């Protein structure tokens, strides 16, 4: 993808699909949270790489909300999108759904991650601006401003 000064949310949207197998589950046949976290991290990384056109590293998992379980045999869909960008960082929301055989989806997790774009020497590098188009994208941008301020406050106050 050609490097530009700005991008749209749709330019980097990423979906990953998994089937929960026995090795992904605990004794209750529920998907391990750590396995889901790995899938979320990969989805977020691909999304951020598509937006920035650079390698990225995860700087923070800002929120991870487990709403419902996924069980062995479930089809799991992860949907990642950029919600906010700074100078070198990108906030990525990853929604996780369990998809039934008839195609209906139930959200089971939402996560926000912050990733930083890196050059060949592993130094942070400027990322393209984000142009939110839809009302949902604009709302996420505004919420991203608030989440960023909260992250900064937590860093300063060390909590």
Protein backbone atom coordinates (compact mmCIF):
# COMPACT_ATOMS: atom_id res chain seq x y z
CA UNK A 1 0.00 0.00 0.00
CA UNK A 2 1.33 3.44 -0.92
CA UNK A 3 2.34 5.72 1.96
CA UNK A 4 0.08 8.77 2.29
CA UNK A 5 -0.42 11.54 4.82
CA UNK A 6 -3.86 10.27 5.84
CA UNK A 7 -5.93 7.12 5.73
CA UNK A 8 -9.52 6.09 6.27
CA UNK A 9 -10.62 3.51 8.84
CA UNK A 10 -11.69 1.20 6.01
CA UNK A 11 -8.15 1.21 4.55
CA UNK A 12 -6.78 -0.90 7.40
CA UNK A 13 -9.78 -2.85 8.73
CA UNK A 14 -8.70 -6.41 9.44
CA UNK A 15 -10.65 -9.60 10.07
CA UNK A 16 -9.32 -12.89 11.36
CA UNK A 17 -11.34 -16.09 11.68
CA UNK A 18 -10.51 -18.99 14.00
CA UNK A 19 -12.24 -22.18 15.06
CA UNK A 20 -11.83 -22.90 18.78
CA UNK A 21 -10.05 -26.26 19.01
CA UNK A 22 -9.52 -28.38 22.14
CA UNK A 23 -5.94 -27.09 22.55
CA UNK A 24 -7.34 -23.53 22.79
CA UNK A 25 -9.67 -24.39 25.68
CA UNK A 26 -9.70 -24.99 29.43
CA UNK A 27 -11.28 -27.93 31.29
CA UNK A 28 -14.74 -26.37 30.80
CA UNK A 29 -14.19 -26.30 27.02
CA UNK A 30 -14.11 -22.49 27.08
CA UNK A 31 -11.56 -20.55 25.06
CA UNK A 32 -8.55 -19.59 27.20
CA UNK A 33 -8.37 -15.81 27.66
CA UNK A 34 -4.66 -15.89 26.86
CA UNK A 35 -5.27 -17.55 23.49
CA UNK A 36 -7.88 -14.94 22.66
CA UNK A 37 -5.44 -12.20 23.75
CA UNK A 38 -2.86 -13.58 21.30
CA UNK A 39 -5.40 -13.55 18.46
CA UNK A 40 -6.41 -10.00 19.40
CA UNK A 41 -2.77 -8.84 19.43
CA UNK A 42 -2.13 -10.30 15.97
CA UNK A 43 -5.32 -8.72 14.58
CA UNK A 44 -4.36 -5.35 16.08
CA UNK A 45 -0.83 -5.61 14.69
CA UNK A 46 -2.02 -6.34 11.16
CA UNK A 47 -4.47 -3.43 11.39
CA UNK A 48 -1.74 -1.04 12.59
CA UNK A 49 0.74 -2.28 9.95
CA UNK A 50 -1.84 -1.66 7.24
CA UNK A 51 -2.46 1.87 8.53
CA UNK A 52 1.17 2.87 9.04
CA UNK A 53 2.95 0.79 6.36
CA UNK A 54 5.61 0.06 9.00
CA UNK A 55 6.39 -2.68 11.46
CA UNK A 56 4.68 -2.12 14.80
CA UNK A 57 4.97 -3.09 18.43
CA UNK A 58 2.23 -3.31 21.04
CA UNK A 59 2.74 -0.61 23.65
CA UNK A 60 -0.38 -1.12 25.71
CA UNK A 61 -3.51 -3.18 26.02
CA UNK A 62 -5.78 -0.45 27.25
CA UNK A 63 -8.93 -2.44 27.82
CA UNK A 64 -9.93 -6.05 27.48
CA UNK A 65 -13.57 -6.76 28.19
CA UNK A 66 -14.76 -10.38 28.30
CA UNK A 67 -18.53 -10.25 27.76
CA UNK A 68 -19.32 -13.91 27.05
CA UNK A 69 -17.39 -17.17 26.51
CA UNK A 70 -16.52 -18.99 23.31
CA UNK A 71 -16.53 -22.78 23.39
CA UNK A 72 -14.72 -25.58 21.56
CA UNK A 73 -16.15 -25.79 18.06
CA UNK A 74 -17.12 -22.11 17.95
CA UNK A 75 -16.23 -19.99 14.95
CA UNK A 76 -14.56 -16.84 16.28
CA UNK A 77 -14.34 -13.67 14.19
CA UNK A 78 -12.00 -10.85 15.21
CA UNK A 79 -12.56 -7.44 13.63
CA UNK A 80 -9.88 -4.77 14.03
CA UNK A 81 -10.05 -1.08 13.13
CA UNK A 82 -8.03 2.05 13.85
CA UNK A 83 -9.95 4.37 16.20
CA UNK A 84 -7.41 7.11 16.93
CA UNK A 85 -3.84 8.05 15.99
CA UNK A 86 -1.14 10.17 17.58
CA UNK A 87 2.21 11.06 16.13
CA UNK A 88 3.72 7.56 16.20
CA UNK A 89 0.98 5.57 17.93
CA UNK A 90 -2.28 4.05 16.81
CA UNK A 91 -5.22 2.97 18.94
CA UNK A 92 -6.85 -0.18 17.57
CA UNK A 93 -10.21 -1.60 18.63
CA UNK A 94 -10.64 -5.33 18.19
CA UNK A 95 -14.14 -6.74 18.55
CA UNK A 96 -14.46 -10.50 18.88
CA UNK A 97 -17.61 -12.36 17.90
CA UNK A 98 -18.80 -15.93 18.06
CA UNK A 99 -20.44 -16.73 14.76
CA UNK A 100 -23.14 -19.41 14.66
CA UNK A 101 -23.53 -21.75 11.72
CA UNK A 102 -26.41 -19.62 10.40
CA UNK A 103 -24.14 -16.55 10.33
CA UNK A 104 -25.49 -14.74 13.39
CA UNK A 105 -22.83 -13.05 15.50
CA UNK A 106 -22.64 -12.34 19.23
CA UNK A 107 -19.89 -10.06 20.52
CA UNK A 108 -17.90 -11.81 23.24
CA UNK A 109 -14.99 -9.40 23.69
CA UNK A 110 -13.86 -5.84 23.00
CA UNK A 111 -10.28 -4.71 23.36
CA UNK A 112 -8.41 -1.45 22.80
CA UNK A 113 -4.69 -1.63 22.13
CA UNK A 114 -2.05 1.00 21.44
CA UNK A 115 0.62 0.13 18.91
CA UNK A 116 3.64 2.15 17.82
CA UNK A 117 5.07 2.21 14.29
CA UNK A 118 8.81 1.48 14.05
CA UNK A 119 11.40 2.16 11.37
CA UNK A 120 14.19 -0.25 10.36
CA UNK A 121 16.23 0.76 13.44
CA UNK A 122 13.25 0.15 15.78
CA UNK A 123 12.74 3.89 16.34
CA UNK A 124 9.19 5.28 16.52
CA UNK A 125 8.10 6.80 13.22
CA UNK A 126 5.29 9.19 12.26
CA UNK A 127 2.04 7.52 11.17
CA UNK A 128 -0.56 8.79 8.71
CA UNK A 129 -3.43 10.82 10.13
CA UNK A 130 -6.84 9.19 10.35
CA UNK A 131 -9.90 10.61 8.60
CA UNK A 132 -13.04 9.33 10.34
CA UNK A 133 -15.99 9.31 7.93
CA UNK A 134 -19.02 7.68 9.55
CA UNK A 135 -20.68 8.84 12.75
CA UNK A 136 -19.42 5.71 14.52
CA UNK A 137 -15.85 6.47 13.39
CA UNK A 138 -16.16 10.08 14.56
CA UNK A 139 -17.57 8.93 17.92
CA UNK A 140 -14.68 6.48 18.33
CA UNK A 141 -12.21 9.27 17.49
CA UNK A 142 -13.69 11.47 20.24
CA UNK A 143 -13.68 8.57 22.70
CA UNK A 144 -10.07 7.88 21.69
CA UNK A 145 -9.14 11.41 22.75
CA UNK A 146 -10.61 10.69 26.19
CA UNK A 147 -8.89 7.29 26.45
CA UNK A 148 -5.57 8.87 25.47
CA UNK A 149 -5.94 11.56 28.17
CA UNK A 150 -6.77 8.85 30.74
CA UNK A 151 -3.69 6.83 29.70
CA UNK A 152 -1.54 9.95 30.10
CA UNK A 153 -3.03 10.65 33.54
CA UNK A 154 -2.37 7.05 34.62
CA UNK A 155 1.25 7.31 33.44
CA UNK A 156 1.78 10.57 35.32
CA UNK A 157 0.07 9.35 38.49
CA UNK A 158 1.53 5.83 38.14
CA UNK A 159 -1.66 3.87 38.56
